[in-house]
Amino acid sequence: MRFVLVHGWGFHAGIFVDFIGHLDGAEVTLIDLGFVAGGPKGASDWPSDAIAIGHSLGLLWLLQRGQGRFRALVSVQGFDCFCCHVAPSRVAALRRGLERDPGGTLQAFWRSCGASGFALPQALNVARLDEGLDWLMHWDAQKAKGELGCPTLALASRDDAIVPAAMSEAIWKETGIVWSPDGGHVLPLRHPRWCARHVLEFAHALPS
């Protein structure tokens, strides 16, 4: 069993470390988007038969850049278009904060996610973080999601302040969502065993 994991904005691939520990020794490829230094080394490619797992922006990245090279798709608090559901002014405010005070802006963001103190200010790649905010502002992968020909699973948290429950319901209504009552916007960090259990159940149910 193979997985490819892509993290969200403001994080690095280390968000998945504990989650990977519960995947029963599966083969895992990590994609690191370069926002924050200090995480596990990322790869540039992955097996085409992997089950792709995207956290937050990582799900949008897989839809936009993954070219459908996965056997199935798991959204962990992910979305196919951010500013179709959230006012662009929220992203614009983050961009202004990033320019003015990168460290303070990311600390506030991590707190809102439930991951206070995720990294030190010197670990931030400000230019890449700004690029990621541009993706949030402009990428729309609703068509790509609608044309997926593979099974999907959506995991979400009821207390997510970044991707609220109503947003997840609007995006994944036709799929159905497995809900955690809590976990903030960092389910792989806060509830790694829970996430892994549902991912493995999904993976084992896939047609061979």
Foldseek 3Di string as FASTA:
>chain_A
DEEEEEEAFLAFQQLQPVLVVQQVPHHYAYATLQFFPDHDDHDDDDQLAHEYEYAAVRQCCCLVPVVNSYQEYEYELYFQAQCVPDPLVVLVVLLVCLVVPVQVSSQVVCVQQVRHCNDGSVRGPSVSSNVSSVCNNDGGSLVSVVPRPHQYAYEYECSAPRCHPVNCCVGCVVRDYDYDPDRYSRCSNPPSNVVSVVVVVVVVPDDD
